N, C-alpha and C. Protein backbone atom coordinates (compact mmCIF):
# COMPACT_ATOMS: atom_id res chain seq x y z
N MET A 1 29.40 -2.55 38.22
CA MET A 1 29.68 -2.02 36.91
C MET A 1 30.65 -0.86 37.06
N SER A 2 31.55 -0.78 36.11
CA SER A 2 32.51 0.31 36.13
C SER A 2 32.92 0.64 34.71
N GLY A 3 32.92 1.94 34.37
CA GLY A 3 33.33 2.35 33.04
C GLY A 3 33.36 3.85 32.91
N ALA A 4 33.78 4.30 31.75
CA ALA A 4 33.86 5.73 31.46
C ALA A 4 32.49 6.30 31.15
N ALA A 5 32.30 7.57 31.51
CA ALA A 5 31.05 8.27 31.24
C ALA A 5 31.08 8.88 29.84
N TRP A 6 29.96 8.70 29.14
CA TRP A 6 29.71 9.35 27.85
C TRP A 6 28.57 10.31 28.10
N LYS A 7 28.83 11.61 28.02
CA LYS A 7 27.86 12.62 28.42
C LYS A 7 27.07 13.13 27.23
N PHE A 8 25.75 13.17 27.39
CA PHE A 8 24.82 13.68 26.37
C PHE A 8 23.84 14.63 27.05
N GLY A 9 23.20 15.47 26.25
CA GLY A 9 22.29 16.49 26.76
C GLY A 9 20.86 16.01 26.88
N ASP A 10 19.95 16.97 26.80
CA ASP A 10 18.51 16.72 26.93
C ASP A 10 17.91 16.26 25.61
N ASN A 11 16.79 15.55 25.71
CA ASN A 11 15.96 15.18 24.56
C ASN A 11 16.70 14.41 23.47
N VAL A 12 17.55 13.49 23.88
CA VAL A 12 18.21 12.61 22.91
C VAL A 12 17.15 11.61 22.46
N ASP A 13 16.69 11.76 21.22
CA ASP A 13 15.58 10.92 20.77
C ASP A 13 16.07 9.64 20.10
N THR A 14 15.13 8.75 19.84
CA THR A 14 15.49 7.44 19.30
C THR A 14 16.11 7.53 17.91
N ASP A 15 15.77 8.59 17.16
CA ASP A 15 16.41 8.77 15.85
C ASP A 15 17.86 9.22 15.98
N ILE A 16 18.20 9.87 17.06
CA ILE A 16 19.60 10.23 17.34
C ILE A 16 20.34 8.98 17.82
N ILE A 17 19.69 8.17 18.63
CA ILE A 17 20.33 6.96 19.15
C ILE A 17 20.63 5.98 18.02
N ILE A 18 19.64 5.74 17.16
CA ILE A 18 19.85 4.89 15.98
C ILE A 18 19.03 5.47 14.84
N PRO A 19 19.70 6.04 13.84
CA PRO A 19 18.99 6.67 12.73
C PRO A 19 18.03 5.70 12.03
N ALA A 20 16.92 6.24 11.58
CA ALA A 20 15.86 5.43 10.96
C ALA A 20 16.33 4.61 9.77
N CYS A 21 17.37 5.08 9.08
CA CYS A 21 17.85 4.34 7.90
C CYS A 21 18.44 2.98 8.27
N TYR A 22 18.68 2.72 9.56
CA TYR A 22 19.23 1.43 10.00
C TYR A 22 18.17 0.53 10.63
N LEU A 23 16.91 0.88 10.49
CA LEU A 23 15.86 0.08 11.13
C LEU A 23 15.63 -1.26 10.44
N ASN A 24 16.24 -1.47 9.29
CA ASN A 24 16.15 -2.78 8.64
C ASN A 24 17.16 -3.75 9.24
N VAL A 25 18.02 -3.27 10.11
CA VAL A 25 18.99 -4.10 10.82
C VAL A 25 18.35 -4.55 12.12
N SER A 26 18.54 -5.80 12.49
CA SER A 26 17.83 -6.26 13.67
C SER A 26 18.72 -6.81 14.79
N THR A 27 20.00 -7.07 14.53
CA THR A 27 20.82 -7.61 15.62
C THR A 27 21.47 -6.48 16.39
N PRO A 28 21.61 -6.63 17.69
CA PRO A 28 22.25 -5.59 18.50
C PRO A 28 23.66 -5.25 18.02
N GLU A 29 24.40 -6.24 17.57
CA GLU A 29 25.77 -6.02 17.12
C GLU A 29 25.81 -5.12 15.87
N GLU A 30 24.90 -5.34 14.94
CA GLU A 30 24.85 -4.51 13.74
C GLU A 30 24.35 -3.10 14.07
N LEU A 31 23.34 -3.01 14.90
CA LEU A 31 22.82 -1.71 15.31
C LEU A 31 23.90 -0.90 16.04
N ALA A 32 24.70 -1.58 16.84
CA ALA A 32 25.74 -0.93 17.63
C ALA A 32 26.71 -0.14 16.75
N CYS A 33 26.95 -0.60 15.55
CA CYS A 33 27.90 0.08 14.65
C CYS A 33 27.47 1.50 14.31
N HIS A 34 26.18 1.82 14.49
CA HIS A 34 25.66 3.12 14.13
C HIS A 34 25.08 3.89 15.32
N CYS A 35 25.28 3.35 16.50
CA CYS A 35 24.70 3.95 17.70
C CYS A 35 25.24 5.36 17.95
N LEU A 36 24.34 6.30 18.11
CA LEU A 36 24.63 7.69 18.45
C LEU A 36 25.58 8.39 17.48
N GLU A 37 25.65 7.89 16.25
CA GLU A 37 26.60 8.47 15.30
C GLU A 37 26.29 9.92 14.96
N GLY A 38 25.03 10.32 15.03
CA GLY A 38 24.69 11.72 14.75
C GLY A 38 25.03 12.65 15.90
N ALA A 39 25.03 12.15 17.12
CA ALA A 39 25.30 12.98 18.29
C ALA A 39 26.78 12.99 18.67
N SER A 40 27.44 11.87 18.41
CA SER A 40 28.84 11.72 18.80
C SER A 40 29.56 10.83 17.80
N PRO A 41 30.01 11.41 16.68
CA PRO A 41 30.74 10.59 15.71
C PRO A 41 31.91 9.89 16.40
N GLY A 42 32.04 8.62 16.13
CA GLY A 42 33.09 7.84 16.77
C GLY A 42 32.64 7.11 18.02
N PHE A 43 31.44 7.43 18.52
CA PHE A 43 30.96 6.76 19.74
C PHE A 43 31.02 5.25 19.60
N ALA A 44 30.46 4.73 18.52
CA ALA A 44 30.36 3.28 18.35
C ALA A 44 31.73 2.60 18.31
N SER A 45 32.73 3.27 17.80
CA SER A 45 34.06 2.65 17.72
C SER A 45 34.90 2.91 18.98
N GLU A 46 34.52 3.91 19.77
CA GLU A 46 35.31 4.27 20.95
C GLU A 46 34.74 3.77 22.26
N VAL A 47 33.43 3.54 22.32
CA VAL A 47 32.80 3.08 23.56
C VAL A 47 33.36 1.70 23.90
N ARG A 48 33.50 1.42 25.17
CA ARG A 48 34.04 0.14 25.64
C ARG A 48 33.00 -0.56 26.52
N PRO A 49 33.04 -1.88 26.53
CA PRO A 49 32.12 -2.62 27.42
C PRO A 49 32.25 -2.13 28.85
N GLY A 50 31.12 -1.86 29.46
CA GLY A 50 31.09 -1.37 30.82
C GLY A 50 30.94 0.12 30.94
N ASP A 51 31.10 0.86 29.83
CA ASP A 51 30.94 2.32 29.88
C ASP A 51 29.50 2.68 30.21
N VAL A 52 29.32 3.93 30.63
CA VAL A 52 28.03 4.42 31.11
C VAL A 52 27.63 5.66 30.32
N ILE A 53 26.41 5.68 29.82
CA ILE A 53 25.88 6.90 29.22
C ILE A 53 25.26 7.73 30.33
N VAL A 54 25.61 9.02 30.36
CA VAL A 54 25.07 9.97 31.33
C VAL A 54 24.38 11.06 30.51
N ALA A 55 23.10 11.28 30.76
CA ALA A 55 22.33 12.18 29.89
C ALA A 55 21.36 13.04 30.69
N GLY A 56 20.82 14.03 30.01
CA GLY A 56 19.89 14.98 30.62
C GLY A 56 18.47 14.48 30.68
N GLU A 57 17.55 15.40 30.46
CA GLU A 57 16.11 15.12 30.53
C GLU A 57 15.62 14.35 29.31
N ASN A 58 14.61 13.51 29.54
CA ASN A 58 13.82 12.90 28.46
C ASN A 58 14.64 12.05 27.50
N PHE A 59 15.64 11.33 28.02
CA PHE A 59 16.46 10.48 27.16
C PHE A 59 15.59 9.39 26.54
N GLY A 60 15.74 9.18 25.24
CA GLY A 60 15.01 8.13 24.54
C GLY A 60 13.63 8.54 24.07
N CYS A 61 13.36 9.85 24.00
CA CYS A 61 12.05 10.28 23.50
C CYS A 61 11.94 9.93 22.01
N GLY A 62 10.75 10.00 21.49
CA GLY A 62 10.55 9.69 20.08
C GLY A 62 9.72 8.44 19.90
N SER A 63 10.16 7.58 19.02
CA SER A 63 9.36 6.41 18.68
C SER A 63 9.45 5.32 19.75
N SER A 64 8.60 4.33 19.62
CA SER A 64 8.54 3.25 20.61
C SER A 64 9.37 2.04 20.22
N ARG A 65 10.11 2.12 19.14
CA ARG A 65 10.87 0.94 18.70
C ARG A 65 11.97 0.57 19.69
N GLU A 66 12.23 -0.74 19.77
CA GLU A 66 13.26 -1.25 20.68
C GLU A 66 14.66 -1.14 20.09
N HIS A 67 14.79 -0.72 18.84
CA HIS A 67 16.10 -0.63 18.21
C HIS A 67 17.06 0.26 19.01
N ALA A 68 16.54 1.34 19.61
CA ALA A 68 17.40 2.29 20.32
C ALA A 68 18.10 1.64 21.52
N PRO A 69 17.38 1.06 22.48
CA PRO A 69 18.10 0.42 23.58
C PRO A 69 18.91 -0.80 23.13
N LEU A 70 18.46 -1.49 22.09
CA LEU A 70 19.24 -2.63 21.57
C LEU A 70 20.59 -2.16 21.03
N ALA A 71 20.61 -1.02 20.33
CA ALA A 71 21.86 -0.48 19.80
C ALA A 71 22.81 -0.13 20.94
N ILE A 72 22.27 0.49 21.98
CA ILE A 72 23.10 0.88 23.13
C ILE A 72 23.64 -0.36 23.83
N LYS A 73 22.80 -1.32 24.07
CA LYS A 73 23.25 -2.56 24.71
C LYS A 73 24.26 -3.28 23.84
N GLY A 74 24.04 -3.27 22.53
CA GLY A 74 24.96 -3.92 21.60
C GLY A 74 26.36 -3.32 21.63
N CYS A 75 26.45 -2.04 22.00
CA CYS A 75 27.76 -1.37 22.12
C CYS A 75 28.51 -1.81 23.38
N GLY A 76 27.82 -2.45 24.29
CA GLY A 76 28.45 -2.86 25.55
C GLY A 76 28.25 -1.88 26.68
N VAL A 77 27.41 -0.85 26.47
CA VAL A 77 27.13 0.10 27.54
C VAL A 77 26.50 -0.65 28.71
N ALA A 78 27.05 -0.44 29.91
CA ALA A 78 26.58 -1.16 31.09
C ALA A 78 25.25 -0.63 31.60
N CYS A 79 25.08 0.69 31.55
CA CYS A 79 23.83 1.29 32.00
C CYS A 79 23.76 2.74 31.55
N ILE A 80 22.60 3.32 31.72
CA ILE A 80 22.38 4.73 31.41
C ILE A 80 21.91 5.41 32.69
N VAL A 81 22.53 6.54 32.99
CA VAL A 81 22.10 7.39 34.10
C VAL A 81 21.63 8.70 33.48
N ALA A 82 20.40 9.09 33.76
CA ALA A 82 19.86 10.32 33.18
C ALA A 82 19.03 11.07 34.21
N ARG A 83 18.76 12.33 33.87
CA ARG A 83 17.83 13.11 34.71
C ARG A 83 16.45 12.48 34.63
N SER A 84 16.04 12.10 33.42
CA SER A 84 14.76 11.43 33.22
C SER A 84 14.78 10.71 31.88
N PHE A 85 13.85 9.78 31.73
CA PHE A 85 13.73 8.98 30.52
C PHE A 85 12.32 9.12 29.95
N ALA A 86 12.23 9.01 28.63
CA ALA A 86 10.92 8.87 28.02
C ALA A 86 10.34 7.55 28.52
N ARG A 87 9.07 7.55 28.81
CA ARG A 87 8.43 6.39 29.44
C ARG A 87 8.58 5.10 28.62
N ILE A 88 8.35 5.17 27.30
CA ILE A 88 8.43 3.95 26.49
C ILE A 88 9.88 3.47 26.38
N PHE A 89 10.84 4.38 26.32
CA PHE A 89 12.25 3.98 26.29
C PHE A 89 12.60 3.27 27.59
N TYR A 90 12.14 3.80 28.71
CA TYR A 90 12.41 3.19 30.00
C TYR A 90 11.96 1.73 30.00
N ARG A 91 10.74 1.51 29.56
CA ARG A 91 10.20 0.15 29.55
C ARG A 91 10.93 -0.74 28.55
N ASN A 92 11.23 -0.22 27.37
CA ASN A 92 11.96 -1.01 26.37
C ASN A 92 13.34 -1.39 26.87
N ALA A 93 14.02 -0.47 27.56
CA ALA A 93 15.34 -0.77 28.09
C ALA A 93 15.27 -1.91 29.11
N ILE A 94 14.34 -1.83 30.03
CA ILE A 94 14.18 -2.92 31.01
C ILE A 94 13.83 -4.22 30.29
N ASN A 95 12.93 -4.15 29.31
CA ASN A 95 12.52 -5.36 28.58
C ASN A 95 13.68 -6.08 27.91
N ILE A 96 14.73 -5.35 27.52
CA ILE A 96 15.87 -6.01 26.88
C ILE A 96 17.04 -6.21 27.85
N GLY A 97 16.83 -5.84 29.12
CA GLY A 97 17.86 -6.06 30.13
C GLY A 97 18.92 -4.99 30.21
N LEU A 98 18.61 -3.77 29.79
CA LEU A 98 19.55 -2.64 29.88
C LEU A 98 19.16 -1.79 31.08
N PRO A 99 20.00 -1.77 32.13
CA PRO A 99 19.65 -0.99 33.32
C PRO A 99 19.73 0.52 33.07
N ILE A 100 18.74 1.23 33.58
CA ILE A 100 18.69 2.68 33.45
C ILE A 100 18.29 3.27 34.80
N LEU A 101 18.98 4.34 35.18
CA LEU A 101 18.77 4.94 36.48
C LEU A 101 18.53 6.44 36.34
N GLU A 102 17.59 6.96 37.09
CA GLU A 102 17.36 8.40 37.13
C GLU A 102 18.06 8.97 38.35
N CYS A 103 18.98 9.91 38.08
CA CYS A 103 19.72 10.54 39.18
C CYS A 103 20.26 11.90 38.72
N PRO A 104 19.42 12.95 38.83
CA PRO A 104 19.82 14.28 38.36
C PRO A 104 21.14 14.78 38.94
N GLU A 105 21.40 14.51 40.22
CA GLU A 105 22.62 14.99 40.85
C GLU A 105 23.86 14.39 40.19
N ALA A 106 23.82 13.10 39.89
CA ALA A 106 24.96 12.44 39.24
C ALA A 106 25.19 13.03 37.86
N VAL A 107 24.12 13.29 37.14
CA VAL A 107 24.23 13.87 35.80
C VAL A 107 24.88 15.25 35.88
N GLU A 108 24.43 16.06 36.81
CA GLU A 108 24.93 17.43 36.96
C GLU A 108 26.43 17.46 37.21
N GLU A 109 26.94 16.54 38.01
CA GLU A 109 28.33 16.60 38.45
C GLU A 109 29.27 15.69 37.67
N THR A 110 28.79 15.06 36.62
CA THR A 110 29.63 14.16 35.83
C THR A 110 30.09 14.85 34.57
N GLU A 111 31.35 14.62 34.23
CA GLU A 111 31.94 15.15 33.01
C GLU A 111 32.28 14.00 32.07
N GLN A 112 32.34 14.30 30.80
CA GLN A 112 32.73 13.31 29.78
C GLN A 112 34.02 12.63 30.22
N GLY A 113 34.04 11.30 30.20
CA GLY A 113 35.24 10.54 30.52
C GLY A 113 35.42 10.18 31.97
N ASP A 114 34.62 10.76 32.88
CA ASP A 114 34.73 10.39 34.30
C ASP A 114 34.53 8.89 34.45
N ARG A 115 35.24 8.28 35.38
CA ARG A 115 35.05 6.87 35.69
C ARG A 115 33.86 6.76 36.63
N MET A 116 32.87 5.92 36.22
CA MET A 116 31.66 5.73 37.01
C MET A 116 31.61 4.29 37.52
N GLU A 117 31.16 4.12 38.74
CA GLU A 117 30.89 2.80 39.32
C GLU A 117 29.43 2.78 39.71
N VAL A 118 28.73 1.73 39.29
CA VAL A 118 27.29 1.64 39.52
C VAL A 118 26.98 0.33 40.24
N ASP A 119 26.27 0.44 41.33
CA ASP A 119 25.80 -0.71 42.10
C ASP A 119 24.28 -0.72 42.00
N LEU A 120 23.76 -1.55 41.10
CA LEU A 120 22.31 -1.57 40.87
C LEU A 120 21.54 -2.04 42.09
N GLU A 121 22.01 -3.10 42.72
CA GLU A 121 21.28 -3.66 43.87
C GLU A 121 21.29 -2.72 45.06
N GLY A 122 22.39 -1.97 45.22
CA GLY A 122 22.48 -1.04 46.34
C GLY A 122 21.94 0.34 46.03
N GLY A 123 21.66 0.60 44.75
CA GLY A 123 21.16 1.91 44.35
C GLY A 123 22.19 3.01 44.52
N ARG A 124 23.45 2.70 44.15
CA ARG A 124 24.53 3.67 44.30
C ARG A 124 25.24 3.91 42.98
N ILE A 125 25.55 5.17 42.71
CA ILE A 125 26.33 5.59 41.55
C ILE A 125 27.49 6.40 42.10
N THR A 126 28.72 5.99 41.79
CA THR A 126 29.90 6.71 42.28
C THR A 126 30.69 7.28 41.12
N ASN A 127 31.00 8.56 41.22
CA ASN A 127 31.89 9.22 40.28
C ASN A 127 33.28 9.14 40.91
N VAL A 128 34.16 8.33 40.33
CA VAL A 128 35.48 8.10 40.91
C VAL A 128 36.30 9.39 40.92
N ARG A 129 36.17 10.22 39.88
CA ARG A 129 36.94 11.47 39.83
C ARG A 129 36.63 12.37 41.02
N THR A 130 35.35 12.53 41.31
CA THR A 130 34.96 13.44 42.40
C THR A 130 34.91 12.74 43.75
N GLY A 131 34.83 11.41 43.73
CA GLY A 131 34.70 10.66 44.97
C GLY A 131 33.29 10.71 45.55
N ARG A 132 32.38 11.27 44.82
CA ARG A 132 31.00 11.43 45.30
C ARG A 132 30.14 10.23 44.94
N THR A 133 29.34 9.78 45.88
CA THR A 133 28.39 8.68 45.66
C THR A 133 26.99 9.24 45.74
N TYR A 134 26.18 8.85 44.78
CA TYR A 134 24.79 9.31 44.68
C TYR A 134 23.87 8.12 44.94
N ARG A 135 22.75 8.39 45.58
CA ARG A 135 21.77 7.35 45.87
C ARG A 135 20.62 7.44 44.88
N THR A 136 20.16 6.29 44.47
CA THR A 136 18.99 6.19 43.62
C THR A 136 18.20 4.98 44.08
N PRO A 137 16.90 4.99 43.98
CA PRO A 137 16.15 3.82 44.43
C PRO A 137 16.61 2.57 43.67
N PRO A 138 16.93 1.49 44.40
CA PRO A 138 17.31 0.26 43.71
C PRO A 138 16.08 -0.33 43.00
N PHE A 139 16.35 -1.13 41.99
CA PHE A 139 15.25 -1.80 41.30
C PHE A 139 14.59 -2.81 42.22
N PRO A 140 13.28 -3.00 42.06
CA PRO A 140 12.63 -4.08 42.80
C PRO A 140 13.22 -5.43 42.36
N PRO A 141 13.11 -6.44 43.19
CA PRO A 141 13.71 -7.75 42.85
C PRO A 141 13.27 -8.31 41.49
N PHE A 142 12.00 -8.15 41.11
CA PHE A 142 11.58 -8.72 39.83
C PHE A 142 12.23 -8.00 38.65
N VAL A 143 12.47 -6.68 38.78
CA VAL A 143 13.15 -5.94 37.71
C VAL A 143 14.62 -6.35 37.66
N MET A 144 15.25 -6.52 38.82
CA MET A 144 16.63 -7.01 38.84
C MET A 144 16.70 -8.39 38.19
N GLY A 145 15.68 -9.20 38.40
CA GLY A 145 15.65 -10.52 37.76
C GLY A 145 15.61 -10.41 36.25
N ILE A 146 14.83 -9.46 35.73
CA ILE A 146 14.76 -9.24 34.28
C ILE A 146 16.12 -8.80 33.75
N ILE A 147 16.76 -7.85 34.43
CA ILE A 147 18.06 -7.35 34.01
C ILE A 147 19.10 -8.47 34.05
N GLU A 148 19.15 -9.21 35.16
CA GLU A 148 20.13 -10.28 35.31
C GLU A 148 19.93 -11.39 34.28
N ALA A 149 18.68 -11.63 33.89
CA ALA A 149 18.39 -12.68 32.90
C ALA A 149 18.74 -12.22 31.48
N GLY A 150 18.93 -10.92 31.29
CA GLY A 150 19.23 -10.40 29.96
C GLY A 150 18.01 -9.89 29.22
N GLY A 151 16.90 -9.76 29.91
CA GLY A 151 15.69 -9.23 29.30
C GLY A 151 14.45 -9.98 29.73
N LEU A 152 13.30 -9.47 29.30
CA LEU A 152 12.01 -10.03 29.70
C LEU A 152 11.78 -11.43 29.15
N VAL A 153 12.15 -11.65 27.89
CA VAL A 153 11.92 -12.99 27.30
C VAL A 153 12.74 -14.05 28.03
N PRO A 154 14.06 -13.88 28.19
CA PRO A 154 14.80 -14.90 28.93
C PRO A 154 14.33 -15.05 30.38
N TYR A 155 13.92 -13.94 31.00
CA TYR A 155 13.41 -13.99 32.37
C TYR A 155 12.14 -14.85 32.44
N THR A 156 11.24 -14.61 31.49
CA THR A 156 9.98 -15.36 31.46
C THR A 156 10.24 -16.84 31.21
N VAL A 157 11.15 -17.13 30.30
CA VAL A 157 11.50 -18.53 30.02
C VAL A 157 12.05 -19.19 31.27
N GLN A 158 12.93 -18.49 31.98
CA GLN A 158 13.48 -19.04 33.24
C GLN A 158 12.37 -19.30 34.24
N LYS A 159 11.46 -18.34 34.39
CA LYS A 159 10.37 -18.49 35.35
C LYS A 159 9.45 -19.66 35.00
N LEU A 160 9.27 -19.89 33.72
CA LEU A 160 8.41 -20.99 33.27
C LEU A 160 9.16 -22.32 33.25
N GLY A 161 10.49 -22.25 33.41
CA GLY A 161 11.29 -23.47 33.44
C GLY A 161 11.47 -24.12 32.09
N GLY A 162 11.35 -23.37 31.03
CA GLY A 162 11.47 -23.94 29.69
C GLY A 162 12.66 -23.41 28.93
N GLU A 163 12.70 -23.76 27.66
CA GLU A 163 13.74 -23.29 26.77
C GLU A 163 13.29 -22.01 26.09
N GLU A 164 14.26 -21.24 25.60
CA GLU A 164 13.90 -20.06 24.81
C GLU A 164 13.22 -20.54 23.55
N PRO A 165 12.20 -19.83 23.06
CA PRO A 165 11.46 -20.25 21.88
C PRO A 165 12.34 -20.52 20.66
N ALA A 166 13.37 -19.72 20.42
CA ALA A 166 14.23 -19.93 19.25
C ALA A 166 14.96 -21.25 19.37
N LYS A 167 15.41 -21.62 20.56
CA LYS A 167 16.11 -22.88 20.75
C LYS A 167 15.15 -24.04 20.57
N ALA A 168 13.96 -23.92 21.13
CA ALA A 168 12.96 -24.99 20.99
C ALA A 168 12.62 -25.22 19.52
N ALA A 169 12.53 -24.15 18.75
CA ALA A 169 12.19 -24.27 17.32
C ALA A 169 13.31 -24.97 16.55
N ARG A 170 14.57 -24.78 16.95
CA ARG A 170 15.69 -25.41 16.26
C ARG A 170 15.75 -26.90 16.54
N ASP A 171 15.32 -27.31 17.73
CA ASP A 171 15.45 -28.72 18.14
C ASP A 171 14.42 -29.62 17.50
């Protein structure tokens, strides 16, 4: 993965990621149009596929709804690197196939717009501007499987050898 860094501070909550007035929207593409608009006006229109969110402590605190990581994934963000994540956000992100990594050192030394390269399997985050590579524990193989499949539901369907429920219902 390679993209520009979008830098955010501590305690970015789910209402900042996707305001509650958009919770009646359910597709990632529609949610993406309003992602982080309160924290960074223009984020949704300027972020590019492959970009990386870099944030401080407790990213994703607040409610347990999956709308927040869905909005981020819908924008094309490749992954999030933070000092720490709210526990429920962490799980929701993995469940929808959005990789998230905890690496305080990378957060500290990254500036808005820095080019980031992320190797999930190797547990490496490289800031191209500084030339510095940071180590983070790689995901266990089953979590990498969930991410590669695009989330827990597609992963489970693959493991069971069946079709996705929505496809089966259409047929």
